[in-house]
Amino acid sequence: MTRPNWNTQSERGSPMALRLMLWLSRSLGRRLSRLILPFIAGYFTLFSPTARRAAQQFGQISGLPSGLGARFRQILSFASTVHDRVFLLSAQTEGFDIRVERADLFDEPGGKVLIGAHLGSFEALRALGQAQEPRRIALLMYPENARKINALLALINPAATADIIPLGQIDSMLEAQRRLAQGDLIGLLADRTLPQDTPTLLPFFGVPAPFAEGPFRIAALLRQPVLFMAGLYRGGNRYDIVFAPIADFRHTPRAERAAAIDAAMRRYVALLEAQCRSAPDNWFNFFEFWPKPVAAAHNPGAQCENTPRPH
């Protein structure tokens, strides 16, 4: 089985480009600095073959639009959410229209585990937490990903780096338990796996796709209720924050843990698919998500289109 290779792809951008965008955003404000985003999105729509193939595969398997216009809207949505990080992470939320679906789940006291995906904006969710109580939301991440996001946060809001917990360190789980005990929320993403992980293949738009079991094992180990989370960008200044119950591991016996994790993962994938249908422009996995042999079997015409080309 060919595994998704998101972790081997170098990310677009550079510290200099980030500093330039940060300077423009702070100097011109959100409204004026947004004017450059369609040009950035247009460039990557035309000249990023990796993103193009990923969008084509997503459209072919999901049945959602995947033409040039759809690819442009997807990349523009991504650029918009990256741009908005400058303001959301700086607690400048007065110009945003942030709406919450199932706010009662978020408002319930006590710690919880939130599991999401590279769908929409995590920063919009963090901004919601800052606006209410405030309620801190920490993100458990693999060390390399934590290093990259911390470098970004250091440019925008160094204080936000305190809410990134790298996985794999001796005190990672102790820190997560401490945060949960004081009523904080712990976020994890389950739509990407690393080479050393064994992915779980689950039907996603009817075709088996790899999902990470680790976040659900962590939630079960921490014995916490689990919510699905997504911060969907709806255009302009609007974000819709979506919560939905996935599982509750507080009283799950050890003997039943494996079955409960499997049920939770299937529930998660079903919720993720529903939100992708609701906001396809928010799918920000810019690599071929489904394993190529599986995708080609579902759509024989994809075999030729998904053959790697030189960049």
Protein backbone atom coordinates (compact mmCIF):
# COMPACT_ATOMS: atom_id res chain seq x y z
CA MET A 1 0.00 0.00 0.00
CA THR A 2 1.35 3.43 -0.94
CA ARG A 3 1.23 5.72 2.08
CA PRO A 4 0.42 9.45 1.88
CA ASN A 5 3.67 11.36 1.86
CA TRP A 6 2.65 14.69 3.37
CA ASN A 7 5.52 14.50 5.85
CA THR A 8 8.16 14.29 3.10
CA GLN A 9 6.94 17.37 1.25
CA SER A 10 8.58 20.67 2.02
CA GLU A 11 6.11 23.30 3.13
CA ARG A 12 5.55 26.42 1.08
CA GLY A 13 6.78 29.69 2.42
CA SER A 14 9.73 30.81 4.49
CA PRO A 15 10.35 32.81 7.65
CA MET A 16 11.03 35.86 5.46
CA ALA A 17 7.69 35.44 3.65
CA LEU A 18 5.90 35.01 6.97
CA ARG A 19 7.52 38.13 8.35
CA LEU A 20 6.52 40.06 5.23
CA MET A 21 2.89 38.92 5.52
CA LEU A 22 2.90 39.70 9.22
CA TRP A 23 4.24 43.21 8.55
CA LEU A 24 1.68 43.85 5.80
CA SER A 25 -1.18 42.60 7.96
CA ARG A 26 -0.23 44.73 10.92
CA SER A 27 0.60 47.79 8.84
CA LEU A 28 -2.40 47.76 6.50
CA GLY A 29 -4.99 45.96 8.61
CA ARG A 30 -6.99 42.89 7.65
CA ARG A 31 -9.19 44.46 4.97
CA LEU A 32 -6.40 45.96 2.86
CA SER A 33 -3.85 43.18 3.31
CA ARG A 34 -6.47 40.64 2.15
CA LEU A 35 -6.38 42.16 -1.34
CA ILE A 36 -3.19 40.26 -2.13
CA LEU A 37 -4.66 36.84 -1.28
CA PRO A 38 -6.39 36.15 -4.64
CA PHE A 39 -3.08 36.69 -6.43
CA ILE A 40 -1.30 34.28 -4.09
CA ALA A 41 -4.09 31.71 -4.51
CA GLY A 42 -4.04 32.15 -8.29
CA TYR A 43 -0.31 31.52 -8.44
CA PHE A 44 -0.50 28.27 -6.46
CA THR A 45 -3.59 27.14 -8.36
CA LEU A 46 -1.69 27.37 -11.64
CA PHE A 47 1.83 26.40 -10.59
CA SER A 48 1.52 23.85 -7.76
CA PRO A 49 1.16 20.38 -9.35
CA THR A 50 1.07 18.69 -5.93
CA ALA A 51 -1.95 20.71 -4.83
CA ARG A 52 -3.56 20.23 -8.24
CA ARG A 53 -3.29 16.44 -8.09
CA ALA A 54 -4.53 16.40 -4.49
CA ALA A 55 -7.59 18.49 -5.39
CA GLN A 56 -8.32 16.27 -8.40
CA GLN A 57 -8.16 13.13 -6.26
CA PHE A 58 -10.38 14.69 -3.58
CA GLY A 59 -12.95 15.68 -6.20
CA GLN A 60 -12.87 12.33 -8.02
CA ILE A 61 -13.44 10.28 -4.88
CA SER A 62 -15.81 12.61 -3.04
CA GLY A 63 -17.85 13.54 -6.09
CA LEU A 64 -17.45 17.20 -5.12
CA PRO A 65 -16.27 19.85 -7.63
CA SER A 66 -12.58 19.55 -8.55
CA GLY A 67 -12.15 21.84 -11.57
CA LEU A 68 -9.96 24.91 -11.80
CA GLY A 69 -12.50 27.11 -10.03
CA ALA A 70 -12.87 24.64 -7.16
CA ARG A 71 -9.09 24.38 -6.76
CA PHE A 72 -8.78 28.18 -6.67
CA ARG A 73 -11.51 28.49 -4.01
CA GLN A 74 -9.85 25.79 -1.90
CA ILE A 75 -6.43 27.44 -2.02
CA LEU A 76 -7.94 30.90 -1.47
CA SER A 77 -9.75 29.59 1.62
CA PHE A 78 -6.48 28.18 2.92
CA ALA A 79 -4.64 31.45 2.25
CA SER A 80 -7.44 33.36 4.00
CA THR A 81 -7.26 31.21 7.14
CA VAL A 82 -3.45 31.51 7.24
CA HIS A 83 -3.78 35.29 6.88
CA ASP A 84 -6.37 35.42 9.64
CA ARG A 85 -3.99 33.67 12.04
CA VAL A 86 -2.21 36.99 12.52
CA PHE A 87 -5.36 38.53 13.97
CA LEU A 88 -6.90 35.51 15.71
CA LEU A 89 -3.67 34.64 17.52
CA SER A 90 -3.26 38.28 18.54
CA ALA A 91 -6.74 38.25 20.10
CA GLN A 92 -7.98 40.79 17.54
CA THR A 93 -11.35 39.11 17.05
CA GLU A 94 -13.68 42.12 17.02
CA GLY A 95 -13.90 42.09 13.23
CA PHE A 96 -14.86 38.42 12.95
CA ASP A 97 -18.27 36.79 12.90
CA ILE A 98 -17.67 33.51 14.79
CA ARG A 99 -20.72 31.29 15.18
CA VAL A 100 -20.84 28.09 17.23
CA GLU A 101 -22.78 24.90 16.57
CA ARG A 102 -23.48 22.93 19.76
CA ALA A 103 -21.92 25.55 22.01
CA ASP A 104 -23.43 23.63 24.95
CA LEU A 105 -20.83 20.89 24.43
CA PHE A 106 -18.01 23.43 24.57
CA ASP A 107 -19.44 25.23 27.59
CA GLU A 108 -19.83 22.12 29.76
CA PRO A 109 -17.35 22.33 32.64
CA GLY A 110 -14.44 19.93 32.89
CA GLY A 111 -11.65 18.86 30.60
CA LYS A 112 -12.28 17.27 27.23
CA VAL A 113 -10.34 15.95 24.27
CA LEU A 114 -11.11 17.62 20.94
CA ILE A 115 -10.23 15.67 17.78
CA GLY A 116 -10.23 17.41 14.43
CA ALA A 117 -8.51 17.43 11.06
CA HIS A 118 -6.77 19.76 8.64
CA LEU A 119 -10.19 21.16 7.88
CA GLY A 120 -10.70 24.87 8.34
CA SER A 121 -9.00 26.89 11.07
CA PHE A 122 -7.85 25.71 14.49
CA GLU A 123 -7.04 29.32 15.37
CA ALA A 124 -10.75 30.24 15.14
CA LEU A 125 -11.42 27.59 17.79
CA ARG A 126 -8.60 28.92 19.96
CA ALA A 127 -10.08 32.43 19.61
CA LEU A 128 -13.42 31.08 20.85
CA GLY A 129 -11.68 29.69 23.92
CA GLN A 130 -10.00 33.03 24.60
CA ALA A 131 -13.29 34.90 24.30
CA GLN A 132 -15.13 32.68 26.78
CA GLU A 133 -14.02 32.52 30.45
CA PRO A 134 -11.16 32.42 28.95
CA ARG A 135 -10.80 28.69 28.38
CA ARG A 136 -7.40 27.45 27.28
CA ILE A 137 -7.05 24.96 24.46
CA ALA A 138 -3.75 23.12 24.17
CA LEU A 139 -2.72 21.16 21.09
CA LEU A 140 -0.86 17.85 21.35
CA MET A 141 1.45 17.53 18.34
CA TYR A 142 4.31 15.41 17.04
CA PRO A 143 7.66 17.09 17.87
CA GLU A 144 8.55 18.13 14.31
CA ASN A 145 5.10 19.63 13.72
CA ALA A 146 5.29 21.31 17.12
CA ARG A 147 8.63 22.86 16.15
CA LYS A 148 7.16 24.30 12.94
CA ILE A 149 4.03 25.71 14.54
CA ASN A 150 6.05 27.16 17.44
CA ALA A 151 8.27 28.98 14.94
CA LEU A 152 5.13 30.50 13.40
CA LEU A 153 3.61 31.38 16.78
CA ALA A 154 6.86 33.01 17.89
CA LEU A 155 6.47 35.47 15.02
CA ILE A 156 2.86 36.31 15.82
CA ASN A 157 2.23 35.73 19.52
CA PRO A 158 5.05 34.10 21.53
CA ALA A 159 2.71 33.53 24.48
CA ALA A 160 0.68 31.07 22.39
CA THR A 161 3.60 28.64 22.26
CA ALA A 162 2.73 27.64 25.83
CA ASP A 163 -0.35 25.88 24.48
CA ILE A 164 1.60 23.49 22.23
CA ILE A 165 2.47 20.17 23.91
CA PRO A 166 4.97 18.05 21.93
CA LEU A 167 4.18 14.34 21.96
CA GLY A 168 6.84 11.77 22.76
CA GLN A 169 8.46 13.61 25.66
CA ILE A 170 8.62 12.15 29.15
CA ASP A 171 6.19 14.65 30.62
CA SER A 172 3.84 15.03 27.62
CA MET A 173 1.00 12.97 29.07
CA LEU A 174 1.54 14.40 32.56
CA GLU A 175 1.16 17.90 31.15
CA ALA A 176 -1.98 16.86 29.26
CA GLN A 177 -3.45 15.34 32.43
CA ARG A 178 -2.64 18.50 34.38
CA ARG A 179 -4.35 20.68 31.78
CA LEU A 180 -7.43 18.46 31.71
CA ALA A 181 -7.65 18.39 35.52
CA GLN A 182 -7.85 22.19 35.59
CA GLY A 183 -10.61 22.20 32.98
CA ASP A 184 -8.61 22.96 29.85
CA LEU A 185 -9.28 21.32 26.49
CA ILE A 186 -6.74 19.19 24.64
CA GLY A 187 -6.85 19.14 20.83
CA LEU A 188 -5.46 16.49 18.48
CA LEU A 189 -5.67 15.94 14.72
CA ALA A 190 -6.36 12.45 13.37
CA ASP A 191 -6.23 12.87 9.59
CA ARG A 192 -2.47 12.42 9.14
CA THR A 193 -0.17 9.57 10.11
CA LEU A 194 3.61 9.37 10.29
CA PRO A 195 5.72 6.62 8.65
CA GLN A 196 6.30 4.89 12.00
CA ASP A 197 2.54 4.76 12.67
CA THR A 198 0.25 1.96 11.56
CA PRO A 199 -2.74 3.71 9.98
CA THR A 200 -6.29 2.48 10.28
CA LEU A 201 -8.05 2.30 6.91
CA LEU A 202 -11.66 3.45 7.18
CA PRO A 203 -14.21 4.28 4.47
CA PHE A 204 -14.03 7.99 3.70
CA PHE A 205 -16.43 8.95 0.91
CA GLY A 206 -16.80 5.20 0.41
CA VAL A 207 -13.10 4.56 -0.23
CA PRO A 208 -10.62 3.30 2.44
CA ALA A 209 -8.36 6.10 3.67
CA PRO A 210 -5.67 6.14 6.41
CA PHE A 211 -6.48 7.70 9.77
CA ALA A 212 -4.37 7.93 12.91
CA GLU A 213 -5.45 5.75 15.81
CA GLY A 214 -3.06 7.49 18.21
CA PRO A 215 -5.33 10.44 19.16
CA PHE A 216 -8.13 8.06 20.14
CA ARG A 217 -5.77 5.85 22.14
CA ILE A 218 -4.57 8.96 23.97
CA ALA A 219 -8.15 10.01 24.74
CA ALA A 220 -8.91 6.51 26.03
CA LEU A 221 -5.73 6.49 28.14
CA LEU A 222 -6.64 9.89 29.60
CA ARG A 223 -10.22 8.61 30.20
CA GLN A 224 -11.89 11.70 28.76
CA PRO A 225 -15.00 12.59 26.77
CA VAL A 226 -14.16 13.25 23.12
CA LEU A 227 -15.67 15.88 20.82
CA PHE A 228 -15.26 16.39 17.09
CA MET A 229 -14.09 19.92 16.29
CA ALA A 230 -13.83 22.02 13.15
CA GLY A 231 -13.48 25.76 12.54
CA LEU A 232 -14.99 26.19 9.08
CA TYR A 233 -14.15 29.32 7.09
CA ARG A 234 -17.27 30.56 5.32
CA GLY A 235 -15.77 33.51 3.49
CA GLY A 236 -15.36 37.15 4.40
CA ASN A 237 -15.09 37.46 8.18
CA ARG A 238 -17.24 34.45 9.11
CA TYR A 239 -16.22 31.22 10.82
CA ASP A 240 -18.52 28.42 11.94
CA ILE A 241 -17.22 26.41 14.89
CA VAL A 242 -18.66 22.89 14.87
CA PHE A 243 -18.70 20.51 17.84
CA ALA A 244 -20.21 17.04 17.94
CA PRO A 245 -19.90 14.18 20.45
CA ILE A 246 -17.67 11.28 19.43
CA ALA A 247 -17.15 9.12 22.52
CA ASP A 248 -16.82 9.14 26.30
CA PHE A 249 -13.96 7.07 27.67
CA ARG A 250 -14.43 8.02 31.31
CA HIS A 251 -16.05 4.72 32.24
CA THR A 252 -14.82 2.41 29.47
CA PRO A 253 -13.41 -0.86 30.94
CA ARG A 254 -9.97 -1.86 29.68
CA ALA A 255 -11.42 -4.99 28.08
CA GLU A 256 -13.79 -2.88 25.97
CA ARG A 257 -11.29 -0.17 25.05
CA ALA A 258 -10.31 -1.53 21.61
CA ALA A 259 -13.94 -1.80 20.47
CA ALA A 260 -14.71 1.68 21.86
CA ILE A 261 -11.73 3.17 20.00
CA ASP A 262 -12.85 1.53 16.75
CA ALA A 263 -16.38 2.90 17.17
CA ALA A 264 -15.02 6.36 17.99
CA MET A 265 -12.84 6.39 14.87
CA ARG A 266 -15.77 5.43 12.64
CA ARG A 267 -17.91 8.12 14.22
CA TYR A 268 -15.11 10.65 13.68
CA VAL A 269 -14.70 9.77 9.99
CA ALA A 270 -18.46 10.03 9.42
CA LEU A 271 -18.50 13.50 11.03
CA LEU A 272 -15.45 14.57 9.03
CA GLU A 273 -17.06 13.48 5.77
CA ALA A 274 -20.25 15.40 6.62
CA GLN A 275 -18.28 18.58 7.29
CA CYS A 276 -16.25 18.14 4.09
CA ARG A 277 -19.51 18.01 2.17
CA SER A 278 -20.67 21.13 3.99
CA ALA A 279 -17.43 23.05 3.34
CA PRO A 280 -15.30 21.35 0.65
CA ASP A 281 -13.19 24.49 0.25
CA ASN A 282 -11.92 23.89 3.79
CA TRP A 283 -10.17 20.57 3.05
CA PHE A 284 -6.53 21.57 3.56
CA ASN A 285 -4.74 18.26 2.99
CA PHE A 286 -2.73 19.27 -0.07
CA PHE A 287 -1.37 15.80 -0.77
CA GLU A 288 -2.98 12.72 -2.27
CA PHE A 289 -4.87 11.52 0.78
CA TRP A 290 -6.11 8.15 -0.40
CA PRO A 291 -3.49 5.43 -1.13
CA LYS A 292 -2.93 5.38 -4.89
CA PRO A 293 -3.75 1.70 -5.53
CA VAL A 294 -7.02 2.07 -3.58
CA ALA A 295 -7.92 5.34 -5.32
CA ALA A 296 -7.12 3.89 -8.74
CA ALA A 297 -9.30 0.83 -8.04
CA HIS A 298 -12.19 3.15 -7.17
CA ASN A 299 -11.57 5.33 -10.24
CA PRO A 300 -9.45 3.63 -12.93
CA GLY A 301 -8.98 6.93 -14.74
CA ALA A 302 -7.15 8.28 -11.70
CA GLN A 303 -4.17 5.95 -12.24
CA CYS A 304 -2.75 8.07 -15.02
CA GLU A 305 -3.66 11.40 -13.45
CA ASN A 306 -2.06 10.50 -10.12
CA THR A 307 1.24 9.34 -11.57
CA PRO A 308 3.92 11.57 -10.02
CA ARG A 309 5.31 14.21 -12.35
CA PRO A 310 8.47 16.22 -11.94
CA HIS A 311 7.88 19.53 -10.16
